[in-house]
Amino acid sequence: MDSSIRHVTDRRLSIRTDAITHLGILHARVRPGHEASVINISAGGALIETPLRLLPGRHIELQLERGDQITAIRGRVVRCRVARVLASRMAYHGAIGFDAPLAWIATAAARDVYAVPPASAGDLARS
């Protein structure tokens, strides 16, 4: 993609990653205890899936469980849409903009994006 086009269409200020388990995130909740799944996350925000309808502009607290550590981060709902409709429930995708950046996510996301992938056995044989 041309970088000039990306600049116009991609408003994100932080690198996003969908390697949630790589970050050690085991569970997520929207307070007061509504289950959520993190689809992707950056230092500045997250896209989550939840059965809870999130209202744009509303402040929420997202709790991220990493092993025995729980990180609570406050943010504002940027947008929300219906992700799927099932016979027994609905699922929503909500974009959350964090009030303060999460430094540990920025570091991990940058490491994933800029890391050089390991050489495969075929690459080693050709060199």
C-alpha atoms as a PDB file:
ATOM      1  CA  MET A   1       0.000   0.000   0.000  1.00  0.00           C
ATOM      2  CA  ASP A   2       1.288   3.447  -0.897  1.00  0.00           C
ATOM      3  CA  SER A   3       2.363   5.261   2.288  1.00  0.00           C
ATOM      4  CA  SER A   4       0.548   8.457   1.231  1.00  0.00           C
ATOM      5  CA  ILE A   5      -2.738   6.539   0.957  1.00  0.00           C
ATOM      6  CA  ARG A   6      -2.173   4.728   4.260  1.00  0.00           C
ATOM      7  CA  HIS A   7      -1.624   8.070   5.993  1.00  0.00           C
ATOM      8  CA  VAL A   8      -5.099   9.240   4.935  1.00  0.00           C
ATOM      9  CA  THR A   9      -7.007   6.019   5.612  1.00  0.00           C
ATOM     10  CA  ASP A  10      -5.315   4.730   8.779  1.00  0.00           C
ATOM     11  CA  ARG A  11      -5.833   7.071  11.738  1.00  0.00           C
ATOM     12  CA  ARG A  12      -4.170   4.818  14.305  1.00  0.00           C
ATOM     13  CA  LEU A  13      -1.437   6.400  16.367  1.00  0.00           C
ATOM     14  CA  SER A  14      -0.046   3.108  17.728  1.00  0.00           C
ATOM     15  CA  ILE A  15       0.980  -0.234  16.292  1.00  0.00           C
ATOM     16  CA  ARG A  16      -1.779  -2.808  16.791  1.00  0.00           C
ATOM     17  CA  THR A  17      -1.230  -6.490  17.357  1.00  0.00           C
ATOM     18  CA  ASP A  18      -3.624  -9.415  17.274  1.00  0.00           C
ATOM     19  CA  ALA A  19      -1.095 -11.717  18.982  1.00  0.00           C
ATOM     20  CA  ILE A  20      -3.087 -11.559  22.218  1.00  0.00           C
ATOM     21  CA  THR A  21      -1.756 -14.779  23.770  1.00  0.00           C
ATOM     22  CA  HIS A  22       1.803 -13.674  22.892  1.00  0.00           C
ATOM     23  CA  LEU A  23       1.201 -10.636  25.126  1.00  0.00           C
ATOM     24  CA  GLY A  24       0.095 -12.958  27.911  1.00  0.00           C
ATOM     25  CA  ILE A  25      -3.509 -11.723  27.965  1.00  0.00           C
ATOM     26  CA  LEU A  26      -5.609 -14.636  29.194  1.00  0.00           C
ATOM     27  CA  HIS A  27      -8.966 -12.973  29.878  1.00  0.00           C
ATOM     28  CA  ALA A  28     -10.596  -9.586  29.514  1.00  0.00           C
ATOM     29  CA  ARG A  29     -13.619  -8.026  31.187  1.00  0.00           C
ATOM     30  CA  VAL A  30     -15.531  -4.807  30.919  1.00  0.00           C
ATOM     31  CA  ARG A  31     -16.374  -3.695  34.444  1.00  0.00           C
ATOM     32  CA  PRO A  32     -18.465  -4.680  36.298  1.00  0.00           C
ATOM     33  CA  GLY A  33     -17.666  -8.233  35.170  1.00  0.00           C
ATOM     34  CA  HIS A  34     -18.877  -8.545  31.565  1.00  0.00           C
ATOM     35  CA  GLU A  35     -16.724 -11.019  29.636  1.00  0.00           C
ATOM     36  CA  ALA A  36     -14.873  -9.693  26.602  1.00  0.00           C
ATOM     37  CA  SER A  37     -12.432 -11.013  24.004  1.00  0.00           C
ATOM     38  CA  VAL A  38      -9.598  -8.832  22.782  1.00  0.00           C
ATOM     39  CA  ILE A  39      -9.445  -8.912  18.972  1.00  0.00           C
ATOM     40  CA  ASN A  40      -6.491  -6.556  18.652  1.00  0.00           C
ATOM     41  CA  ILE A  41      -4.753  -4.103  20.932  1.00  0.00           C
ATOM     42  CA  SER A  42      -2.237  -1.273  20.902  1.00  0.00           C
ATOM     43  CA  ALA A  43      -0.820   1.049  23.515  1.00  0.00           C
ATOM     44  CA  GLY A  44      -3.603   3.503  22.741  1.00  0.00           C
ATOM     45  CA  GLY A  45      -6.668   1.295  22.411  1.00  0.00           C
ATOM     46  CA  ALA A  46      -8.272  -2.057  21.775  1.00  0.00           C
ATOM     47  CA  LEU A  47     -10.918  -3.706  19.653  1.00  0.00           C
ATOM     48  CA  ILE A  48     -12.966  -6.070  21.798  1.00  0.00           C
ATOM     49  CA  GLU A  49     -15.885  -8.447  21.316  1.00  0.00           C
ATOM     50  CA  THR A  50     -18.488  -8.616  24.042  1.00  0.00           C
ATOM     51  CA  PRO A  51     -22.171  -9.442  24.513  1.00  0.00           C
ATOM     52  CA  LEU A  52     -22.490  -6.005  26.102  1.00  0.00           C
ATOM     53  CA  ARG A  53     -23.719  -3.185  23.859  1.00  0.00           C
ATOM     54  CA  LEU A  54     -21.183  -0.388  24.249  1.00  0.00           C
ATOM     55  CA  LEU A  55     -22.363   3.175  23.761  1.00  0.00           C
ATOM     56  CA  PRO A  56     -19.977   5.491  21.865  1.00  0.00           C
ATOM     57  CA  GLY A  57     -18.657   8.279  24.060  1.00  0.00           C
ATOM     58  CA  ARG A  58     -19.203   6.358  27.282  1.00  0.00           C
ATOM     59  CA  HIS A  59     -16.272   5.802  29.661  1.00  0.00           C
ATOM     60  CA  ILE A  60     -15.498   2.184  30.541  1.00  0.00           C
ATOM     61  CA  GLU A  61     -12.865   0.218  32.397  1.00  0.00           C
ATOM     62  CA  LEU A  62     -11.269  -2.747  30.639  1.00  0.00           C
ATOM     63  CA  GLN A  63      -9.573  -5.339  32.845  1.00  0.00           C
ATOM     64  CA  LEU A  64      -6.846  -7.429  31.242  1.00  0.00           C
ATOM     65  CA  GLU A  65      -5.783 -10.578  33.072  1.00  0.00           C
ATOM     66  CA  ARG A  66      -2.180 -11.647  32.507  1.00  0.00           C
ATOM     67  CA  GLY A  67      -1.393 -14.654  34.666  1.00  0.00           C
ATOM     68  CA  ASP A  68      -1.792 -13.481  38.254  1.00  0.00           C
ATOM     69  CA  GLN A  69      -1.739  -9.791  37.267  1.00  0.00           C
ATOM     70  CA  ILE A  70      -4.849  -7.756  36.410  1.00  0.00           C
ATOM     71  CA  THR A  71      -4.361  -4.471  34.584  1.00  0.00           C
ATOM     72  CA  ALA A  72      -7.312  -2.094  34.707  1.00  0.00           C
ATOM     73  CA  ILE A  73      -7.308   0.552  31.991  1.00  0.00           C
ATOM     74  CA  ARG A  74      -9.887   3.296  31.598  1.00  0.00           C
ATOM     75  CA  GLY A  75     -10.990   4.438  28.194  1.00  0.00           C
ATOM     76  CA  ARG A  76     -13.798   5.747  26.057  1.00  0.00           C
ATOM     77  CA  VAL A  77     -15.895   3.805  23.545  1.00  0.00           C
ATOM     78  CA  VAL A  78     -15.021   5.165  20.108  1.00  0.00           C
ATOM     79  CA  ARG A  79     -17.455   3.016  18.126  1.00  0.00           C
ATOM     80  CA  CYS A  80     -19.520  -0.143  18.459  1.00  0.00           C
ATOM     81  CA  ARG A  81     -21.211  -2.411  15.913  1.00  0.00           C
ATOM     82  CA  VAL A  82     -23.057  -5.695  15.868  1.00  0.00           C
ATOM     83  CA  ALA A  83     -20.562  -8.466  15.137  1.00  0.00           C
ATOM     84  CA  ARG A  84     -23.014 -11.390  14.957  1.00  0.00           C
ATOM     85  CA  VAL A  85     -26.530 -12.362  15.841  1.00  0.00           C
ATOM     86  CA  LEU A  86     -27.185 -15.797  17.313  1.00  0.00           C
ATOM     87  CA  ALA A  87     -30.476 -17.312  18.410  1.00  0.00           C
ATOM     88  CA  SER A  88     -29.592 -16.865  22.085  1.00  0.00           C
ATOM     89  CA  ARG A  89     -27.488 -13.685  22.091  1.00  0.00           C
ATOM     90  CA  MET A  90     -25.770 -10.917  20.170  1.00  0.00           C
ATOM     91  CA  ALA A  91     -22.092 -10.069  20.015  1.00  0.00           C
ATOM     92  CA  TYR A  92     -20.694  -6.578  19.564  1.00  0.00           C
ATOM     93  CA  HIS A  93     -17.322  -5.260  18.434  1.00  0.00           C
ATOM     94  CA  GLY A  94     -16.315  -2.158  20.350  1.00  0.00           C
ATOM     95  CA  ALA A  95     -13.326   0.080  19.748  1.00  0.00           C
ATOM     96  CA  ILE A  96     -11.921   1.499  22.980  1.00  0.00           C
ATOM     97  CA  GLY A  97      -9.537   4.468  23.085  1.00  0.00           C
ATOM     98  CA  PHE A  98      -7.480   4.328  26.280  1.00  0.00           C
ATOM     99  CA  ASP A  99      -7.171   7.420  28.491  1.00  0.00           C
ATOM    100  CA  ALA A 100      -3.474   6.639  29.086  1.00  0.00           C
ATOM    101  CA  PRO A 101      -1.149   4.527  26.899  1.00  0.00           C
ATOM    102  CA  LEU A 102      -0.113   1.029  27.955  1.00  0.00           C
ATOM    103  CA  ALA A 103       3.677   1.023  27.625  1.00  0.00           C
ATOM    104  CA  TRP A 104       4.078  -2.778  27.926  1.00  0.00           C
ATOM    105  CA  ILE A 105       1.846  -3.284  24.877  1.00  0.00           C
ATOM    106  CA  ALA A 106       3.685  -0.663  22.795  1.00  0.00           C
ATOM    107  CA  THR A 107       7.010  -2.342  23.495  1.00  0.00           C
ATOM    108  CA  ALA A 108       5.735  -5.827  22.632  1.00  0.00           C
ATOM    109  CA  ALA A 109       3.881  -4.680  19.491  1.00  0.00           C
ATOM    110  CA  ALA A 110       6.923  -2.813  18.162  1.00  0.00           C
ATOM    111  CA  ARG A 111       9.117  -5.856  18.808  1.00  0.00           C
ATOM    112  CA  ASP A 112       6.691  -8.054  16.797  1.00  0.00           C
ATOM    113  CA  VAL A 113       6.414  -5.637  13.875  1.00  0.00           C
ATOM    114  CA  TYR A 114      10.116  -4.904  13.507  1.00  0.00           C
ATOM    115  CA  ALA A 115      11.493  -8.319  14.413  1.00  0.00           C
ATOM    116  CA  VAL A 116      13.428 -10.166  11.723  1.00  0.00           C
ATOM    117  CA  PRO A 117      11.830 -13.559  11.196  1.00  0.00           C
ATOM    118  CA  PRO A 118      14.116 -16.529  11.818  1.00  0.00           C
ATOM    119  CA  ALA A 119      15.657 -18.107   8.743  1.00  0.00           C
ATOM    120  CA  SER A 120      14.047 -21.348   7.635  1.00  0.00           C
ATOM    121  CA  ALA A 121      16.074 -24.474   6.906  1.00  0.00           C
ATOM    122  CA  GLY A 122      15.593 -23.870   3.149  1.00  0.00           C
ATOM    123  CA  ASP A 123      17.019 -20.356   3.443  1.00  0.00           C
ATOM    124  CA  LEU A 124      20.086 -21.655   5.288  1.00  0.00           C
ATOM    125  CA  ALA A 125      20.694 -24.335   2.657  1.00  0.00           C
ATOM    126  CA  ARG A 126      20.640 -21.742  -0.163  1.00  0.00           C
ATOM    127  CA  SER A 127      23.128 -19.361   1.473  1.00  0.00           C
END
